[in-house]
Amino acid sequence: MMSDELKEPSMERRILRVMRKTLANVVKDATPRANMPSCLSDQTVEDIRHCFELISIREKELAETLNLDQAHPLYPDQERTAKRIIISKPVKPDPEKY
C-alpha cells in the first residue's frame, strides 16, 4: 500500500493538472473572435496569467520533489535515449516431430 507521502503529491499533481486544463478551457471559451472586444478585464487577464504561473511553479516543485524533473514530452524529431527491445513469443515445439 502507498504511503500518504507518495499519494499526496500525486493527488496534488492531478489537482493542478485539472485546474490548468479547466482554466485553459475558460480562456478558450472567453477569447473573443477577431475584431470583437474581450469580455474579460485587463486585471482578470493578468490574474489568469498569474494563476498559470503559480500552477507551473508548483508543478515544477512537485516534479523536483519526486525526481520527475526530467519528465518532458518527446517529439518525433528528437533522438530517443532508450533502446527498443523486441520480444517475441516463444514458439512451442511440435510434439509430432519428437
PDB file of N, CA and C in Angstrom:
ATOM      1  N   MET A   1       0.838  -1.189   0.000  1.00  0.00           N
ATOM      2  CA  MET A   1       0.000   0.000   0.000  1.00  0.00           C
ATOM      3  C   MET A   1       0.881   1.250   0.000  1.00  0.00           C
ATOM      4  N   MET A   2       0.472   2.269  -0.717  1.00  0.00           N
ATOM      5  CA  MET A   2       1.249   3.502  -0.813  1.00  0.00           C
ATOM      6  C   MET A   2       1.174   4.298   0.480  1.00  0.00           C
ATOM      7  N   SER A   3       2.283   4.933   0.811  1.00  0.00           N
ATOM      8  CA  SER A   3       2.262   5.800   1.975  1.00  0.00           C
ATOM      9  C   SER A   3       1.561   7.100   1.612  1.00  0.00           C
ATOM     10  N   ASP A   4       1.113   7.826   2.635  1.00  0.00           N
ATOM     11  CA  ASP A   4       0.444   9.106   2.391  1.00  0.00           C
ATOM     12  C   ASP A   4       1.383  10.101   1.718  1.00  0.00           C
ATOM     13  N   GLU A   5       2.689   9.975   2.000  1.00  0.00           N
ATOM     14  CA  GLU A   5       3.658  10.883   1.394  1.00  0.00           C
ATOM     15  C   GLU A   5       3.708  10.707  -0.119  1.00  0.00           C
ATOM     16  N   LEU A   6       3.562   9.476  -0.591  1.00  0.00           N
ATOM     17  CA  LEU A   6       3.592   9.233  -2.029  1.00  0.00           C
ATOM     18  C   LEU A   6       2.256   9.550  -2.677  1.00  0.00           C
ATOM     19  N   LYS A   7       1.163   9.313  -1.961  1.00  0.00           N
ATOM     20  CA  LYS A   7      -0.167   9.565  -2.516  1.00  0.00           C
ATOM     21  C   LYS A   7      -0.437  11.052  -2.655  1.00  0.00           C
ATOM     22  N   GLU A   8      -0.077  11.812  -1.638  1.00  0.00           N
ATOM     23  CA  GLU A   8      -0.431  13.229  -1.582  1.00  0.00           C
ATOM     24  C   GLU A   8       0.132  14.037  -2.753  1.00  0.00           C
ATOM     25  N   PRO A   9       1.433  13.943  -3.042  1.00  0.00           N
ATOM     26  CA  PRO A   9       1.930  14.712  -4.191  1.00  0.00           C
ATOM     27  C   PRO A   9       1.254  14.299  -5.496  1.00  0.00           C
ATOM     28  N   SER A  10       0.956  13.016  -5.624  1.00  0.00           N
ATOM     29  CA  SER A  10       0.290  12.557  -6.834  1.00  0.00           C
ATOM     30  C   SER A  10      -1.092  13.193  -6.946  1.00  0.00           C
ATOM     31  N   MET A  11      -1.825  13.236  -5.849  1.00  0.00           N
ATOM     32  CA  MET A  11      -3.149  13.860  -5.843  1.00  0.00           C
ATOM     33  C   MET A  11      -3.017  15.350  -6.133  1.00  0.00           C
ATOM     34  N   GLU A  12      -2.020  15.978  -5.553  1.00  0.00           N
ATOM     35  CA  GLU A  12      -1.818  17.405  -5.801  1.00  0.00           C
ATOM     36  C   GLU A  12      -1.471  17.650  -7.270  1.00  0.00           C
ATOM     37  N   ARG A  13      -0.658  16.779  -7.849  1.00  0.00           N
ATOM     38  CA  ARG A  13      -0.330  16.909  -9.273  1.00  0.00           C
ATOM     39  C   ARG A  13      -1.581  16.779 -10.128  1.00  0.00           C
ATOM     40  N   ARG A  14      -2.453  15.841  -9.773  1.00  0.00           N
ATOM     41  CA  ARG A  14      -3.708  15.663 -10.510  1.00  0.00           C
ATOM     42  C   ARG A  14      -4.585  16.906 -10.396  1.00  0.00           C
ATOM     43  N   ILE A  15      -4.674  17.453  -9.190  1.00  0.00           N
ATOM     44  CA  ILE A  15      -5.483  18.657  -8.965  1.00  0.00           C
ATOM     45  C   ILE A  15      -4.936  19.818  -9.801  1.00  0.00           C
ATOM     46  N   LEU A  16      -3.627  20.012  -9.774  1.00  0.00           N
ATOM     47  CA  LEU A  16      -3.018  21.097 -10.545  1.00  0.00           C
ATOM     48  C   LEU A  16      -3.245  20.916 -12.041  1.00  0.00           C
ATOM     49  N   ARG A  17      -3.141  19.677 -12.518  1.00  0.00           N
ATOM     50  CA  ARG A  17      -3.355  19.399 -13.943  1.00  0.00           C
ATOM     51  C   ARG A  17      -4.786  19.748 -14.346  1.00  0.00           C
ATOM     52  N   VAL A  18      -5.750  19.338 -13.513  1.00  0.00           N
ATOM     53  CA  VAL A  18      -7.162  19.624 -13.810  1.00  0.00           C
ATOM     54  C   VAL A  18      -7.421  21.128 -13.758  1.00  0.00           C
ATOM     55  N   MET A  19      -6.845  21.807 -12.770  1.00  0.00           N
ATOM     56  CA  MET A  19      -7.029  23.258 -12.664  1.00  0.00           C
ATOM     57  C   MET A  19      -6.467  23.966 -13.895  1.00  0.00           C
ATOM     58  N   ARG A  20      -5.266  23.536 -14.331  1.00  0.00           N
ATOM     59  CA  ARG A  20      -4.643  24.161 -15.501  1.00  0.00           C
ATOM     60  C   ARG A  20      -5.493  23.947 -16.751  1.00  0.00           C
ATOM     61  N   LYS A  21      -5.977  22.715 -16.943  1.00  0.00           N
ATOM     62  CA  LYS A  21      -6.799  22.421 -18.122  1.00  0.00           C
ATOM     63  C   LYS A  21      -8.125  23.171 -18.080  1.00  0.00           C
ATOM     64  N   THR A  22      -8.743  23.232 -16.906  1.00  0.00           N
ATOM     65  CA  THR A  22     -10.016  23.943 -16.772  1.00  0.00           C
ATOM     66  C   THR A  22      -9.830  25.429 -17.035  1.00  0.00           C
ATOM     67  N   LEU A  23      -8.786  25.997 -16.461  1.00  0.00           N
ATOM     68  CA  LEU A  23      -8.510  27.416 -16.673  1.00  0.00           C
ATOM     69  C   LEU A  23      -8.225  27.693 -18.151  1.00  0.00           C
ATOM     70  N   ALA A  24      -7.495  26.801 -18.803  1.00  0.00           N
ATOM     71  CA  ALA A  24      -7.220  26.970 -20.237  1.00  0.00           C
ATOM     72  C   ALA A  24      -8.513  26.913 -21.047  1.00  0.00           C
ATOM     73  N   ASN A  25      -9.427  26.025 -20.671  1.00  0.00           N
ATOM     74  CA  ASN A  25     -10.711  25.941 -21.380  1.00  0.00           C
ATOM     75  C   ASN A  25     -11.547  27.198 -21.170  1.00  0.00           C
ATOM     76  N   VAL A  26     -11.506  27.762 -19.973  1.00  0.00           N
ATOM     77  CA  VAL A  26     -12.223  29.012 -19.703  1.00  0.00           C
ATOM     78  C   VAL A  26     -11.652  30.119 -20.591  1.00  0.00           C
ATOM     79  N   VAL A  27     -10.332  30.168 -20.688  1.00  0.00           N
ATOM     80  CA  VAL A  27      -9.692  31.182 -21.532  1.00  0.00           C
ATOM     81  C   VAL A  27     -10.109  30.992 -22.991  1.00  0.00           C
ATOM     82  N   LYS A  28     -10.104  29.742 -23.464  1.00  0.00           N
ATOM     83  CA  LYS A  28     -10.521  29.476 -24.856  1.00  0.00           C
ATOM     84  C   LYS A  28     -11.959  29.924 -25.086  1.00  0.00           C
ATOM     85  N   ASP A  29     -12.845  29.587 -24.142  1.00  0.00           N
ATOM     86  CA  ASP A  29     -14.254  29.944 -24.289  1.00  0.00           C
ATOM     87  C   ASP A  29     -14.479  31.451 -24.221  1.00  0.00           C
ATOM     88  N   ALA A  30     -13.659  32.151 -23.438  1.00  0.00           N
ATOM     89  CA  ALA A  30     -13.849  33.589 -23.251  1.00  0.00           C
ATOM     90  C   ALA A  30     -13.072  34.430 -24.263  1.00  0.00           C
ATOM     91  N   THR A  31     -12.215  33.796 -25.054  1.00  0.00           N
ATOM     92  CA  THR A  31     -11.438  34.544 -26.038  1.00  0.00           C
ATOM     93  C   THR A  31     -12.359  35.024 -27.156  1.00  0.00           C
ATOM     94  N   PRO A  32     -12.366  36.332 -27.400  1.00  0.00           N
ATOM     95  CA  PRO A  32     -13.272  36.863 -28.437  1.00  0.00           C
ATOM     96  C   PRO A  32     -12.769  36.548 -29.842  1.00  0.00           C
ATOM     97  N   ARG A  33     -13.687  36.553 -30.759  1.00  0.00           N
ATOM     98  CA  ARG A  33     -13.325  36.382 -32.169  1.00  0.00           C
ATOM     99  C   ARG A  33     -12.653  37.657 -32.645  1.00  0.00           C
ATOM    100  N   ALA A  34     -12.086  37.600 -33.829  1.00  0.00           N
ATOM    101  CA  ALA A  34     -11.380  38.758 -34.386  1.00  0.00           C
ATOM    102  C   ALA A  34     -12.294  39.980 -34.423  1.00  0.00           C
ATOM    103  N   ASN A  35     -11.735  41.117 -34.097  1.00  0.00           N
ATOM    104  CA  ASN A  35     -12.431  42.412 -34.115  1.00  0.00           C
ATOM    105  C   ASN A  35     -13.571  42.505 -33.102  1.00  0.00           C
ATOM    106  N   MET A  36     -13.559  41.662 -32.098  1.00  0.00           N
ATOM    107  CA  MET A  36     -14.581  41.712 -31.042  1.00  0.00           C
ATOM    108  C   MET A  36     -13.891  42.102 -29.735  1.00  0.00           C
ATOM    109  N   PRO A  37     -14.567  42.876 -28.897  1.00  0.00           N
ATOM    110  CA  PRO A  37     -13.959  43.244 -27.612  1.00  0.00           C
ATOM    111  C   PRO A  37     -13.935  42.043 -26.660  1.00  0.00           C
ATOM    112  N   SER A  38     -12.967  42.031 -25.795  1.00  0.00           N
ATOM    113  CA  SER A  38     -12.848  40.951 -24.814  1.00  0.00           C
ATOM    114  C   SER A  38     -13.869  41.142 -23.704  1.00  0.00           C
ATOM    115  N   CYS A  39     -14.407  40.041 -23.226  1.00  0.00           N
ATOM    116  CA  CYS A  39     -15.358  40.130 -22.115  1.00  0.00           C
ATOM    117  C   CYS A  39     -14.628  40.151 -20.772  1.00  0.00           C
ATOM    118  N   LEU A  40     -13.311  39.955 -20.805  1.00  0.00           N
ATOM    119  CA  LEU A  40     -12.515  39.954 -19.581  1.00  0.00           C
ATOM    120  C   LEU A  40     -11.785  41.284 -19.426  1.00  0.00           C
ATOM    121  N   SER A  41     -11.732  41.755 -18.198  1.00  0.00           N
ATOM    122  CA  SER A  41     -10.999  42.996 -17.943  1.00  0.00           C
ATOM    123  C   SER A  41      -9.497  42.715 -17.994  1.00  0.00           C
ATOM    124  N   ASP A  42      -8.721  43.772 -18.128  1.00  0.00           N
ATOM    125  CA  ASP A  42      -7.265  43.619 -18.150  1.00  0.00           C
ATOM    126  C   ASP A  42      -6.767  42.987 -16.855  1.00  0.00           C
ATOM    127  N   GLN A  43      -7.383  43.363 -15.734  1.00  0.00           N
ATOM    128  CA  GLN A  43      -6.984  42.807 -14.441  1.00  0.00           C
ATOM    129  C   GLN A  43      -7.275  41.309 -14.379  1.00  0.00           C
ATOM    130  N   THR A  44      -8.417  40.890 -14.917  1.00  0.00           N
ATOM    131  CA  THR A  44      -8.765  39.468 -14.927  1.00  0.00           C
ATOM    132  C   THR A  44      -7.783  38.683 -15.785  1.00  0.00           C
ATOM    133  N   VAL A  45      -7.413  39.221 -16.928  1.00  0.00           N
ATOM    134  CA  VAL A  45      -6.434  38.564 -17.799  1.00  0.00           C
ATOM    135  C   VAL A  45      -5.106  38.418 -17.065  1.00  0.00           C
ATOM    136  N   GLU A  46      -4.705  39.460 -16.370  1.00  0.00           N
ATOM    137  CA  GLU A  46      -3.454  39.408 -15.603  1.00  0.00           C
ATOM    138  C   GLU A  46      -3.555  38.388 -14.471  1.00  0.00           C
ATOM    139  N   ASP A  47      -4.692  38.317 -13.804  1.00  0.00           N
ATOM    140  CA  ASP A  47      -4.897  37.327 -12.741  1.00  0.00           C
ATOM    141  C   ASP A  47      -4.828  35.900 -13.288  1.00  0.00           C
ATOM    142  N   ILE A  48      -5.386  35.677 -14.463  1.00  0.00           N
ATOM    143  CA  ILE A  48      -5.332  34.351 -15.094  1.00  0.00           C
ATOM    144  C   ILE A  48      -3.885  33.985 -15.409  1.00  0.00           C
ATOM    145  N   ARG A  49      -3.125  34.931 -15.925  1.00  0.00           N
ATOM    146  CA  ARG A  49      -1.698  34.680 -16.194  1.00  0.00           C
ATOM    147  C   ARG A  49      -0.970  34.316 -14.907  1.00  0.00           C
ATOM    148  N   HIS A  50      -1.295  35.031 -13.842  1.00  0.00           N
ATOM    149  CA  HIS A  50      -0.663  34.767 -12.551  1.00  0.00           C
ATOM    150  C   HIS A  50      -1.034  33.362 -12.055  1.00  0.00           C
ATOM    151  N   CYS A  51      -2.281  32.954 -12.243  1.00  0.00           N
ATOM    152  CA  CYS A  51      -2.711  31.598 -11.854  1.00  0.00           C
ATOM    153  C   CYS A  51      -1.921  30.540 -12.618  1.00  0.00           C
ATOM    154  N   PHE A  52      -1.773  30.730 -13.930  1.00  0.00           N
ATOM    155  CA  PHE A  52      -0.986  29.785 -14.729  1.00  0.00           C
ATOM    156  C   PHE A  52       0.457  29.725 -14.230  1.00  0.00           C
ATOM    157  N   GLU A  53       1.008  30.877 -13.886  1.00  0.00           N
ATOM    158  CA  GLU A  53       2.381  30.931 -13.394  1.00  0.00           C
ATOM    159  C   GLU A  53       2.519  30.167 -12.080  1.00  0.00           C
ATOM    160  N   LEU A  54       1.585  30.384 -11.150  1.00  0.00           N
ATOM    161  CA  LEU A  54       1.637  29.688  -9.863  1.00  0.00           C
ATOM    162  C   LEU A  54       1.470  28.179 -10.025  1.00  0.00           C
ATOM    163  N   ILE A  55       0.567  27.768 -10.896  1.00  0.00           N
ATOM    164  CA  ILE A  55       0.367  26.337 -11.154  1.00  0.00           C
ATOM    165  C   ILE A  55       1.654  25.738 -11.711  1.00  0.00           C
ATOM    166  N   SER A  56       2.269  26.433 -12.652  1.00  0.00           N
ATOM    167  CA  SER A  56       3.502  25.950 -13.268  1.00  0.00           C
ATOM    168  C   SER A  56       4.632  25.827 -12.247  1.00  0.00           C
ATOM    169  N   ILE A  57       4.764  26.826 -11.392  1.00  0.00           N
ATOM    170  CA  ILE A  57       5.806  26.800 -10.362  1.00  0.00           C
ATOM    171  C   ILE A  57       5.602  25.620  -9.422  1.00  0.00           C
ATOM    172  N   ARG A  58       4.362  25.407  -8.982  1.00  0.00           N
ATOM    173  CA  ARG A  58       4.095  24.298  -8.056  1.00  0.00           C
ATOM    174  C   ARG A  58       4.298  22.942  -8.732  1.00  0.00           C
ATOM    175  N   GLU A  59       3.901  22.826  -9.999  1.00  0.00           N
ATOM    176  CA  GLU A  59       4.127  21.571 -10.729  1.00  0.00           C
ATOM    177  C   GLU A  59       5.622  21.270 -10.825  1.00  0.00           C
ATOM    178  N   LYS A  60       6.416  22.302 -11.050  1.00  0.00           N
ATOM    179  CA  LYS A  60       7.867  22.115 -11.134  1.00  0.00           C
ATOM    180  C   LYS A  60       8.433  21.696  -9.782  1.00  0.00           C
ATOM    181  N   GLU A  61       7.962  22.315  -8.699  1.00  0.00           N
ATOM    182  CA  GLU A  61       8.417  21.933  -7.357  1.00  0.00           C
ATOM    183  C   GLU A  61       8.092  20.473  -7.063  1.00  0.00           C
ATOM    184  N   LEU A  62       6.879  20.063  -7.390  1.00  0.00           N
ATOM    185  CA  LEU A  62       6.483  18.672  -7.154  1.00  0.00           C
ATOM    186  C   LEU A  62       7.314  17.710  -7.993  1.00  0.00           C
ATOM    187  N   ALA A  63       7.568  18.071  -9.236  1.00  0.00           N
ATOM    188  CA  ALA A  63       8.373  17.212 -10.105  1.00  0.00           C
ATOM    189  C   ALA A  63       9.782  17.049  -9.546  1.00  0.00           C
ATOM    190  N   GLU A  64      10.350  18.125  -9.038  1.00  0.00           N
ATOM    191  CA  GLU A  64      11.686  18.044  -8.447  1.00  0.00           C
ATOM    192  C   GLU A  64      11.669  17.208  -7.178  1.00  0.00           C
ATOM    193  N   THR A  65      10.625  17.343  -6.365  1.00  0.00           N
ATOM    194  CA  THR A  65      10.499  16.569  -5.134  1.00  0.00           C
ATOM    195  C   THR A  65      10.411  15.077  -5.431  1.00  0.00           C
ATOM    196  N   LEU A  66       9.701  14.727  -6.489  1.00  0.00           N
ATOM    197  CA  LEU A  66       9.501  13.321  -6.851  1.00  0.00           C
ATOM    198  C   LEU A  66      10.540  12.831  -7.860  1.00  0.00           C
ATOM    199  N   ASN A  67      11.588  13.642  -8.076  1.00  0.00           N
ATOM    200  CA  ASN A  67      12.627  13.319  -9.056  1.00  0.00           C
ATOM    201  C   ASN A  67      12.047  13.095 -10.450  1.00  0.00           C
ATOM    202  N   LEU A  68      11.047  13.875 -10.789  1.00  0.00           N
ATOM    203  CA  LEU A  68      10.442  13.814 -12.117  1.00  0.00           C
ATOM    204  C   LEU A  68      10.834  15.026 -12.945  1.00  0.00           C
ATOM    205  N   ASP A  69      11.858  15.742 -12.492  1.00  0.00           N
ATOM    206  CA  ASP A  69      12.237  16.968 -13.186  1.00  0.00           C
ATOM    207  C   ASP A  69      12.740  16.702 -14.601  1.00  0.00           C
ATOM    208  N   GLN A  70      13.030  15.448 -14.927  1.00  0.00           N
ATOM    209  CA  GLN A  70      13.462  15.125 -16.285  1.00  0.00           C
ATOM    210  C   GLN A  70      12.288  14.729 -17.169  1.00  0.00           C
ATOM    211  N   ALA A  71      11.091  14.668 -16.595  1.00  0.00           N
ATOM    212  CA  ALA A  71       9.912  14.277 -17.374  1.00  0.00           C
ATOM    213  C   ALA A  71       9.535  15.405 -18.326  1.00  0.00           C
ATOM    214  N   HIS A  72       9.553  15.114 -19.599  1.00  0.00           N
ATOM    215  CA  HIS A  72       9.163  16.092 -20.606  1.00  0.00           C
ATOM    216  C   HIS A  72       8.706  15.338 -21.844  1.00  0.00           C
ATOM    217  N   PRO A  73       7.959  15.993 -22.705  1.00  0.00           N
ATOM    218  CA  PRO A  73       7.484  15.295 -23.904  1.00  0.00           C
ATOM    219  C   PRO A  73       8.634  14.977 -24.855  1.00  0.00           C
ATOM    220  N   LEU A  74       8.476  13.898 -25.578  1.00  0.00           N
ATOM    221  CA  LEU A  74       9.457  13.524 -26.590  1.00  0.00           C
ATOM    222  C   LEU A  74       8.835  13.777 -27.955  1.00  0.00           C
ATOM    223  N   TYR A  75       9.467  14.626 -28.728  1.00  0.00           N
ATOM    224  CA  TYR A  75       8.944  14.992 -30.032  1.00  0.00           C
ATOM    225  C   TYR A  75       9.491  14.045 -31.103  1.00  0.00           C
ATOM    226  N   PRO A  76       8.760  13.877 -32.199  1.00  0.00           N
ATOM    227  CA  PRO A  76       9.171  12.911 -33.229  1.00  0.00           C
ATOM    228  C   PRO A  76      10.574  13.144 -33.790  1.00  0.00           C
ATOM    229  N   ASP A  77      11.013  14.394 -33.850  1.00  0.00           N
ATOM    230  CA  ASP A  77      12.330  14.661 -34.424  1.00  0.00           C
ATOM    231  C   ASP A  77      13.466  14.556 -33.402  1.00  0.00           C
ATOM    232  N   GLN A  78      13.138  14.259 -32.143  1.00  0.00           N
ATOM    233  CA  GLN A  78      14.163  14.102 -31.118  1.00  0.00           C
ATOM    234  C   GLN A  78      14.706  12.679 -31.126  1.00  0.00           C
ATOM    235  N   GLU A  79      15.999  12.571 -30.821  1.00  0.00           N
ATOM    236  CA  GLU A  79      16.616  11.247 -30.738  1.00  0.00           C
ATOM    237  C   GLU A  79      16.208  10.587 -29.419  1.00  0.00           C
ATOM    238  N   ARG A  80      15.844   9.346 -29.498  1.00  0.00           N
ATOM    239  CA  ARG A  80      15.440   8.604 -28.304  1.00  0.00           C
ATOM    240  C   ARG A  80      16.689   8.087 -27.590  1.00  0.00           C
ATOM    241  N   THR A  81      16.692   8.201 -26.266  1.00  0.00           N
ATOM    242  CA  THR A  81      17.836   7.728 -25.498  1.00  0.00           C
ATOM    243  C   THR A  81      17.661   6.273 -25.064  1.00  0.00           C
ATOM    244  N   ALA A  82      16.440   5.804 -25.017  1.00  0.00           N
ATOM    245  CA  ALA A  82      16.183   4.419 -24.617  1.00  0.00           C
ATOM    246  C   ALA A  82      16.276   3.507 -25.836  1.00  0.00           C
ATOM    247  N   LYS A  83      16.767   2.309 -25.601  1.00  0.00           N
ATOM    248  CA  LYS A  83      16.855   1.318 -26.672  1.00  0.00           C
ATOM    249  C   LYS A  83      15.584   0.484 -26.686  1.00  0.00           C
ATOM    250  N   ARG A  84      15.049   0.252 -27.864  1.00  0.00           N
ATOM    251  CA  ARG A  84      13.839  -0.546 -28.017  1.00  0.00           C
ATOM    252  C   ARG A  84      14.235  -2.008 -28.199  1.00  0.00           C
ATOM    253  N   ILE A  85      13.629  -2.864 -27.399  1.00  0.00           N
ATOM    254  CA  ILE A  85      13.907  -4.291 -27.469  1.00  0.00           C
ATOM    255  C   ILE A  85      12.644  -4.994 -27.923  1.00  0.00           C
ATOM    256  N   ILE A  86      12.767  -5.798 -28.970  1.00  0.00           N
ATOM    257  CA  ILE A  86      11.617  -6.535 -29.479  1.00  0.00           C
ATOM    258  C   ILE A  86      11.626  -7.924 -28.848  1.00  0.00           C
ATOM    259  N   ILE A  87      10.542  -8.254 -28.207  1.00  0.00           N
ATOM    260  CA  ILE A  87      10.410  -9.552 -27.551  1.00  0.00           C
ATOM    261  C   ILE A  87       9.343 -10.332 -28.293  1.00  0.00           C
ATOM    262  N   SER A  88       9.729 -11.498 -28.766  1.00  0.00           N
ATOM    263  CA  SER A  88       8.757 -12.319 -29.484  1.00  0.00           C
ATOM    264  C   SER A  88       8.313 -13.480 -28.602  1.00  0.00           C
ATOM    265  N   LYS A  89       7.125 -13.948 -28.862  1.00  0.00           N
ATOM    266  CA  LYS A  89       6.560 -15.057 -28.109  1.00  0.00           C
ATOM    267  C   LYS A  89       7.282 -16.336 -28.525  1.00  0.00           C
ATOM    268  N   PRO A  90       7.730 -17.147 -27.562  1.00  0.00           N
ATOM    269  CA  PRO A  90       8.435 -18.377 -27.922  1.00  0.00           C
ATOM    270  C   PRO A  90       7.511 -19.348 -28.660  1.00  0.00           C
ATOM    271  N   VAL A  91       8.083 -20.032 -29.612  1.00  0.00           N
ATOM    272  CA  VAL A  91       7.327 -21.000 -30.401  1.00  0.00           C
ATOM    273  C   VAL A  91       7.353 -22.340 -29.676  1.00  0.00           C
ATOM    274  N   LYS A  92       6.173 -22.931 -29.509  1.00  0.00           N
ATOM    275  CA  LYS A  92       6.089 -24.237 -28.856  1.00  0.00           C
ATOM    276  C   LYS A  92       6.581 -25.311 -29.824  1.00  0.00           C
ATOM    277  N   PRO A  93       7.352 -26.272 -29.326  1.00  0.00           N
ATOM    278  CA  PRO A  93       7.826 -27.343 -30.206  1.00  0.00           C
ATOM    279  C   PRO A  93       6.662 -28.221 -30.668  1.00  0.00           C
ATOM    280  N   ASP A  94       6.759 -28.693 -31.888  1.00  0.00           N
ATOM    281  CA  ASP A  94       5.728 -29.558 -32.462  1.00  0.00           C
ATOM    282  C   ASP A  94       5.888 -30.961 -31.868  1.00  0.00           C
ATOM    283  N   PRO A  95       4.875 -31.469 -31.140  1.00  0.00           N
ATOM    284  CA  PRO A  95       5.005 -32.787 -30.500  1.00  0.00           C
ATOM    285  C   PRO A  95       5.098 -33.938 -31.510  1.00  0.00           C
ATOM    286  N   GLU A  96       4.655 -33.731 -32.730  1.00  0.00           N
ATOM    287  CA  GLU A  96       4.696 -34.800 -33.734  1.00  0.00           C
ATOM    288  C   GLU A  96       6.107 -35.032 -34.266  1.00  0.00           C
ATOM    289  N   LYS A  97       6.979 -34.049 -34.143  1.00  0.00           N
ATOM    290  CA  LYS A  97       8.351 -34.196 -34.624  1.00  0.00           C
ATOM    291  C   LYS A  97       9.184 -35.050 -33.682  1.00  0.00           C
ATOM    292  N   TYR A  98       8.762 -35.202 -32.463  1.00  0.00           N
ATOM    293  CA  TYR A  98       9.555 -35.942 -31.483  1.00  0.00           C
ATOM    294  C   TYR A  98       8.948 -37.244 -31.154  1.00  0.00           C
TER     295      TYR A  98
END
